Protein backbone atom coordinates (compact mmCIF):
# COMPACT_ATOMS: atom_id res chain seq x y z
CA UNK A 1 -46.95 -38.10 -85.31
CA UNK A 2 -47.81 -34.90 -83.60
CA UNK A 3 -50.25 -32.63 -85.18
CA UNK A 4 -48.84 -29.13 -85.59
CA UNK A 5 -52.29 -27.70 -85.28
CA UNK A 6 -52.73 -28.95 -81.75
CA UNK A 7 -51.19 -26.55 -79.11
CA UNK A 8 -48.84 -28.02 -76.47
CA UNK A 9 -50.27 -28.90 -73.14
CA UNK A 10 -49.57 -26.76 -70.04
CA UNK A 11 -47.25 -29.41 -68.55
CA UNK A 12 -45.25 -29.47 -71.75
CA UNK A 13 -44.89 -25.67 -71.73
CA UNK A 14 -43.72 -25.66 -68.06
CA UNK A 15 -41.16 -28.34 -68.75
CA UNK A 16 -39.85 -26.43 -71.72
CA UNK A 17 -39.56 -23.19 -69.71
CA UNK A 18 -37.53 -24.71 -66.85
CA UNK A 19 -33.74 -24.64 -67.42
CA UNK A 20 -32.00 -27.91 -67.79
CA UNK A 21 -29.68 -28.55 -64.81
CA UNK A 22 -26.94 -31.04 -65.00
CA UNK A 23 -26.82 -33.70 -62.31
CA UNK A 24 -24.80 -32.54 -59.23
CA UNK A 25 -24.85 -28.86 -60.19
CA UNK A 26 -26.90 -27.74 -57.09
CA UNK A 27 -24.73 -29.69 -54.79
CA UNK A 28 -21.68 -27.94 -56.21
CA UNK A 29 -23.16 -24.43 -55.79
CA UNK A 30 -23.66 -24.69 -52.03
CA UNK A 31 -20.01 -25.39 -51.08
CA UNK A 32 -18.90 -22.51 -53.32
CA UNK A 33 -20.63 -19.92 -51.03
CA UNK A 34 -18.97 -21.16 -47.81
CA UNK A 35 -15.45 -19.74 -48.42
CA UNK A 36 -16.86 -16.23 -48.98
CA UNK A 37 -18.70 -16.32 -45.64
CA UNK A 38 -15.57 -17.60 -43.88
CA UNK A 39 -13.51 -14.78 -45.37
CA UNK A 40 -16.02 -12.20 -44.14
CA UNK A 41 -15.96 -13.66 -40.62
CA UNK A 42 -12.16 -13.78 -40.64
CA UNK A 43 -11.95 -10.13 -41.71
CA UNK A 44 -14.36 -9.06 -38.97
CA UNK A 45 -12.43 -11.06 -36.38
CA UNK A 46 -9.11 -9.60 -37.51
CA UNK A 47 -10.50 -6.06 -37.46
CA UNK A 48 -11.92 -6.57 -33.96
CA UNK A 49 -8.59 -7.96 -32.74
CA UNK A 50 -6.77 -4.96 -34.18
CA UNK A 51 -9.15 -2.54 -32.42
CA UNK A 52 -8.75 -4.35 -29.11
CA UNK A 53 -4.96 -4.41 -29.41
CA UNK A 54 -4.90 -0.70 -30.29
CA UNK A 55 -7.02 0.07 -27.23
CA UNK A 56 -4.72 -2.00 -25.03
CA UNK A 57 -1.65 -0.27 -26.43
CA UNK A 58 -3.18 3.14 -25.76
CA UNK A 59 -4.00 2.14 -22.19
CA UNK A 60 -0.46 0.84 -21.64
CA UNK A 61 1.05 4.03 -23.06
CA UNK A 62 -1.21 6.19 -20.89
CA UNK A 63 -0.28 4.13 -17.83
CA UNK A 64 3.42 4.49 -18.60
CA UNK A 65 3.01 8.28 -18.96
CA UNK A 66 1.15 8.46 -15.65
CA UNK A 67 3.84 6.46 -13.89
CA UNK A 68 6.52 8.61 -15.49
CA UNK A 69 4.85 11.87 -14.45
CA UNK A 70 4.31 10.63 -10.90
CA UNK A 71 7.92 9.52 -10.65
CA UNK A 72 9.08 12.89 -12.03
CA UNK A 73 7.03 14.93 -9.56
CA UNK A 74 8.04 12.67 -6.68
CA UNK A 75 11.72 13.10 -7.50
CA UNK A 76 11.23 16.85 -7.94
CA UNK A 77 9.44 17.09 -4.59
CA UNK A 78 12.19 15.13 -2.82
CA UNK A 79 14.82 17.28 -4.50
CA UNK A 80 13.12 20.48 -3.33
CA UNK A 81 12.85 19.08 0.20
CA UNK A 82 16.53 18.16 0.27
CA UNK A 83 17.67 21.49 -1.13
CA UNK A 84 15.40 23.55 1.10
CA UNK A 85 16.29 21.80 4.33
CA UNK A 86 20.01 21.90 3.55
CA UNK A 87 20.23 25.37 2.02
CA UNK A 88 17.01 27.27 2.69
CA UNK A 89 16.86 27.70 6.43
CA UNK A 90 19.11 30.73 6.47
CA UNK A 91 20.23 33.00 3.73
CA UNK A 92 23.60 33.43 5.47
CA UNK A 93 26.59 31.22 4.82
CA UNK A 94 27.42 29.84 8.25
CA UNK A 95 31.06 29.46 7.27
CA UNK A 96 31.47 33.21 6.72
CA UNK A 97 34.59 34.40 8.50
CA UNK A 98 35.25 37.82 6.97
CA UNK A 99 34.20 40.76 9.17
CA UNK A 100 30.54 41.65 8.69
CA UNK A 101 27.38 42.85 10.41
CA UNK A 102 24.95 40.05 11.19
CA UNK A 103 21.35 40.93 10.34
CA UNK A 104 18.21 39.28 11.73
CA UNK A 105 14.83 40.65 10.73
CA UNK A 106 11.78 40.56 13.00
CA UNK A 107 8.75 41.52 10.95
CA UNK A 108 5.04 41.26 11.56
CA UNK A 109 3.25 39.66 14.46
CA UNK A 110 5.41 37.80 16.96
CA UNK A 111 3.67 34.47 17.26
CA UNK A 112 4.50 30.77 17.31
CA UNK A 113 2.68 30.28 13.98
CA UNK A 114 4.21 33.33 12.26
CA UNK A 115 7.61 33.83 10.64
CA UNK A 116 8.58 35.98 13.63
CA UNK A 117 8.54 33.08 16.09
CA UNK A 118 10.96 32.34 18.91
CA UNK A 119 12.31 29.12 17.41
CA UNK A 120 13.39 30.70 14.13
CA UNK A 121 14.71 33.92 15.64
CA UNK A 122 16.71 32.07 18.30
CA UNK A 123 18.15 29.71 15.68
CA UNK A 124 19.22 32.70 13.59
CA UNK A 125 20.77 34.46 16.59
CA UNK A 126 22.79 31.40 17.57
CA UNK A 127 24.30 31.13 14.11
CA UNK A 128 25.12 34.83 14.07
CA UNK A 129 26.74 34.79 17.50
CA UNK A 130 28.75 31.64 16.71
CA UNK A 131 30.14 33.08 13.47
CA UNK A 132 33.57 34.53 14.17
CA UNK A 133 33.17 37.01 11.33
CA UNK A 134 30.06 38.64 12.82
CA UNK A 135 31.22 41.82 14.58
CA UNK A 136 27.75 42.59 15.96
CA UNK A 137 24.17 41.38 15.70
CA UNK A 138 21.55 43.81 14.44
CA UNK A 139 17.86 43.06 15.01
CA UNK A 140 15.91 44.93 12.35
CA UNK A 141 12.42 45.25 13.88
CA UNK A 142 9.15 46.23 12.30
CA UNK A 143 6.45 44.68 14.45
CA UNK A 144 3.37 45.78 16.40
CA UNK A 145 3.94 43.07 19.01
CA UNK A 146 2.38 39.73 19.73
CA UNK A 147 2.91 36.89 22.18
CA UNK A 148 4.62 37.77 25.49
CA UNK A 149 5.73 34.14 25.75
CA UNK A 150 7.56 34.20 22.41
CA UNK A 151 9.06 37.61 23.21
CA UNK A 152 10.22 36.41 26.63
CA UNK A 153 11.95 33.39 25.11
CA UNK A 154 13.82 35.58 22.61
CA UNK A 155 14.76 38.12 25.29
CA UNK A 156 16.16 35.40 27.55
CA UNK A 157 18.20 33.98 24.67
CA UNK A 158 19.67 37.39 23.89
CA UNK A 159 20.95 37.62 27.44
CA UNK A 160 22.37 34.11 27.34
CA UNK A 161 24.15 34.57 24.01
CA UNK A 162 25.60 37.92 25.04
CA UNK A 163 27.08 36.25 28.10
CA UNK A 164 28.65 33.50 25.96
CA UNK A 165 29.93 35.65 23.10
CA UNK A 166 31.39 39.16 23.50
CA UNK A 167 29.34 40.72 20.72
CA UNK A 168 27.04 43.74 20.96
CA UNK A 169 23.39 43.53 19.99
CA UNK A 170 21.78 46.54 18.34
CA UNK A 171 18.14 47.10 17.46
CA UNK A 172 17.16 49.19 14.44
CA UNK A 173 13.50 50.15 14.39
CA UNK A 174 11.77 50.73 11.07
CA UNK A 175 8.08 51.62 11.28
CA UNK A 176 7.05 50.08 14.61
CA UNK A 177 8.57 48.49 17.69
CA UNK A 178 5.70 48.12 20.12
CA UNK A 179 4.52 45.83 22.88
CA UNK A 180 6.15 42.37 22.55
CA UNK A 181 8.56 43.75 19.93
CA UNK A 182 9.84 46.29 22.46
CA UNK A 183 10.02 43.45 25.01
CA UNK A 184 12.63 41.89 22.72
CA UNK A 185 14.43 45.16 22.05
CA UNK A 186 14.79 46.14 25.71
CA UNK A 187 17.94 44.06 26.26
CA UNK A 188 19.82 45.39 23.25
CA UNK A 189 22.97 47.40 23.83
CA UNK A 190 21.47 50.27 21.84
CA UNK A 191 18.16 51.00 20.12
CA UNK A 192 18.17 53.13 16.96
CA UNK A 193 14.98 54.63 15.56
CA UNK A 194 13.66 56.99 12.94
CA UNK A 195 12.13 60.22 14.21
CA UNK A 196 8.70 59.04 13.06
CA UNK A 197 8.94 55.42 14.26
CA UNK A 198 6.34 54.15 16.75
CA UNK A 199 7.89 52.89 19.98
CA UNK A 200 6.57 51.69 23.33
CA UNK A 201 3.13 50.33 24.23
CA UNK A 202 4.49 48.70 27.38
CA UNK A 203 1.35 46.97 28.54
CA UNK A 204 -0.69 43.77 28.30
CA UNK A 205 -4.20 43.21 27.04
CA UNK A 206 -6.78 40.46 26.77
CA UNK A 207 -9.63 41.28 24.43
CA UNK A 208 -12.91 39.78 23.30
CA UNK A 209 -16.63 40.46 22.95
CA UNK A 210 -19.69 39.87 25.09
CA UNK A 211 -23.11 39.24 23.56
CA UNK A 212 -25.18 38.53 26.66
CA UNK A 213 -27.22 41.77 26.48
CA UNK A 214 -28.05 41.24 22.81
CA UNK A 215 -29.03 37.64 23.50
CA UNK A 216 -31.42 38.77 26.23
CA UNK A 217 -33.11 41.21 23.85
CA UNK A 218 -33.45 38.54 21.18
CA UNK A 219 -34.65 35.93 23.60
CA UNK A 220 -31.72 33.62 22.93
CA UNK A 221 -30.63 31.29 25.71
CA UNK A 222 -27.01 30.13 26.00
CA UNK A 223 -26.83 26.44 26.93
CA UNK A 224 -23.24 25.81 27.97
CA UNK A 225 -22.52 22.80 30.15
CA UNK A 226 -19.14 22.53 31.89
CA UNK A 227 -17.40 20.46 34.54
CA UNK A 228 -15.70 23.13 36.63
CA UNK A 229 -17.39 26.41 37.44
CA UNK A 230 -14.80 28.48 35.56
CA UNK A 231 -14.38 26.23 32.53
CA UNK A 232 -16.49 28.61 30.44
CA UNK A 233 -14.38 31.57 31.57
CA UNK A 234 -14.28 34.33 28.89
CA UNK A 235 -16.96 32.62 26.80
CA UNK A 236 -18.45 35.54 24.81
CA UNK A 237 -22.00 34.22 25.25
CA UNK A 238 -21.80 33.84 29.02
CA UNK A 239 -21.79 36.49 31.76
CA UNK A 240 -18.38 37.35 33.21
CA UNK A 241 -18.55 37.14 37.00
CA UNK A 242 -16.68 39.49 39.32
CA UNK A 243 -14.31 36.75 40.61
CA UNK A 244 -13.48 35.79 37.03
CA UNK A 245 -12.81 39.40 36.07
CA UNK A 246 -10.57 39.84 39.11
CA UNK A 247 -8.65 36.68 38.21
CA UNK A 248 -8.07 37.91 34.66
CA UNK A 249 -6.88 41.26 35.94
CA UNK A 250 -4.39 39.62 38.31
CA UNK A 251 -3.06 37.59 35.40
CA UNK A 252 -2.62 40.69 33.25
CA UNK A 253 -0.98 42.65 36.08
CA UNK A 254 1.53 39.86 36.65
CA UNK A 255 2.58 39.71 33.01
CA UNK A 256 2.73 43.51 32.93
CA UNK A 257 5.14 43.52 35.88
CA UNK A 258 7.33 40.99 34.06
CA UNK A 259 7.40 43.35 31.07
CA UNK A 260 8.26 46.33 33.27
CA UNK A 261 11.11 44.42 34.94
CA UNK A 262 12.61 43.51 31.58
CA UNK A 263 12.50 47.13 30.40
CA UNK A 264 13.99 48.50 33.60
CA UNK A 265 16.75 45.90 33.57
CA UNK A 266 17.57 46.43 29.91
CA UNK A 267 17.42 50.22 29.76
CA UNK A 268 18.85 50.88 33.22
CA UNK A 269 19.69 54.50 33.98
CA UNK A 270 18.98 55.55 30.41
CA UNK A 271 15.24 55.20 31.09
CA UNK A 272 13.52 58.40 32.22
CA UNK A 273 10.42 57.04 33.90
CA UNK A 274 7.19 59.01 34.07
CA UNK A 275 3.74 57.94 35.29
CA UNK A 276 2.88 57.18 31.64
CA UNK A 277 5.98 55.14 30.77
CA UNK A 278 4.35 51.80 31.55
CA UNK A 279 0.76 52.82 30.90
CA UNK A 280 0.57 51.21 27.46
CA UNK A 281 1.05 54.47 25.56
CA UNK A 282 3.32 54.58 22.54
CA UNK A 283 5.47 57.43 21.28
CA UNK A 284 7.22 58.68 18.18
CA UNK A 285 10.89 57.86 17.70
CA UNK A 286 11.82 61.39 18.67
CA UNK A 287 9.85 61.15 21.92
CA UNK A 288 11.29 57.69 22.59
CA UNK A 289 14.83 59.08 22.46
CA UNK A 290 13.84 61.87 24.86
CA UNK A 291 12.24 59.39 27.28
CA UNK A 292 15.17 56.98 27.19
CA UNK A 293 13.20 54.25 25.43
CA UNK A 294 15.64 54.55 22.51
CA UNK A 295 19.21 55.78 22.18
CA UNK A 296 19.68 57.52 18.84
CA UNK A 297 18.57 57.84 15.25
CA UNK A 298 19.89 55.44 12.68
CA UNK A 299 19.25 52.94 9.92
CA UNK A 300 20.60 49.48 9.26
CA UNK A 301 23.27 50.83 6.94
CA UNK A 302 24.33 53.72 9.14
CA UNK A 303 24.64 51.42 12.14
CA UNK A 304 26.68 48.87 10.16
CA UNK A 305 28.92 51.61 8.79
CA UNK A 306 29.32 54.00 11.72
CA UNK A 307 28.67 51.88 14.81
CA UNK A 308 29.69 48.31 13.98
CA UNK A 309 32.38 49.48 11.52
CA UNK A 310 31.57 46.55 9.23
CA UNK A 311 29.66 47.68 6.16
CA UNK A 312 29.20 44.17 4.76
CA UNK A 313 25.81 42.90 5.94
CA UNK A 314 25.04 39.18 6.09
CA UNK A 315 21.40 38.20 6.54
CA UNK A 316 20.91 35.33 8.99
CA UNK A 317 17.12 35.58 8.99
CA UNK A 318 15.45 32.23 8.60
CA UNK A 319 12.74 32.24 5.94
CA UNK A 320 9.74 30.01 5.38
CA UNK A 321 11.00 27.90 2.45
CA UNK A 322 9.10 25.89 -0.15
CA UNK A 323 9.63 22.55 1.56
CA UNK A 324 8.34 23.78 4.90
CA UNK A 325 5.25 25.27 3.26
CA UNK A 326 4.54 21.98 1.51
CA UNK A 327 5.06 20.01 4.71
CA UNK A 328 2.78 22.38 6.61
CA UNK A 329 0.03 22.09 4.02
CA UNK A 330 0.36 18.32 3.84
CA UNK A 331 0.35 18.04 7.62
CA UNK A 332 -2.67 20.34 7.88
CA UNK A 333 -4.56 18.32 5.27
CA UNK A 334 -3.74 15.03 7.00
CA UNK A 335 -4.63 16.46 10.38
CA UNK A 336 -7.94 17.78 9.10
CA UNK A 337 -8.79 14.40 7.59
CA UNK A 338 -7.93 12.60 10.84
CA UNK A 339 -9.96 15.05 12.91
CA UNK A 340 -12.98 14.66 10.66
CA UNK A 341 -12.67 10.90 10.81
CA UNK A 342 -12.48 10.84 14.60
CA UNK A 343 -14.94 13.59 15.50
CA UNK A 344 -17.79 11.19 16.10
CA UNK A 345 -15.63 8.62 17.87
CA UNK A 346 -13.97 10.60 20.66
CA UNK A 347 -15.30 12.80 23.45
CA UNK A 348 -14.30 16.45 23.14
CA UNK A 349 -12.66 18.53 25.85
CA UNK A 350 -12.54 22.22 25.10
């Protein structure tokens, strides 16, 4: 019998405080936590898969949009090229057969790289001359001049086309018809001007700068190496020798004589020569008529109405179209890239 007055021992108190656990209860608690962990892992995996699939779908959509845009711009570019090359070279309808005045504009500098170049102007003239409805060809000129080579090619073609087709060629001067522009105009049947137009400048020039005196003062030495004693001819940093200057002058005189011959042939007895006619001076339209460099006053519309007797004007002028500008830019970019890539690989001859 236990005495109630005796307190329980520490071991007895500890045993009484510990909860009674049924056999196998601990073993059952451990498996119960495993499904919860598996569910958490499955949720994380599913969420990650969804994020990855969403990213892939966005990338695919973006790629499809890029392909679509590239295809659209490619088709648009090809369409512009086709339209421009088939419809944009000339504003005139080459099948025009009703009576009209054929117009070709020559504006700005006459140069192979400008809109007023021999290839385009000659192409326009051929179409105008070959059109049965064109009663005459009017060259509307507003140009200070340019390349004698380009002007000579156009002048020769005017003579050839006039021999093939019995159509008159008239020139109407707006602001300026000088130098190479007058070279072109000289073979026209008639030249019409405004009283204040600038006409003439029958001469040839070759210009540049020389810096040899300044270099001497600054103590700068020009180191130019050439194969051929005249290869550095007209180099602005080298001295121009007397033989080189004489050679350049002979060249200019020869081209000047070609210019003079064209003017004399084209103007004939209408030209009233003076010592200043071929000196390179230019005159007003009024003076040009008095000197025989022009025939009368007139505008495009007055010539079409009163001279050609065909008031309808059809423009045959070839314009720089969108496709040609794109091709030029693309070609320039490709050429620049090729030059840069080959600069250090090839010897240079200048």
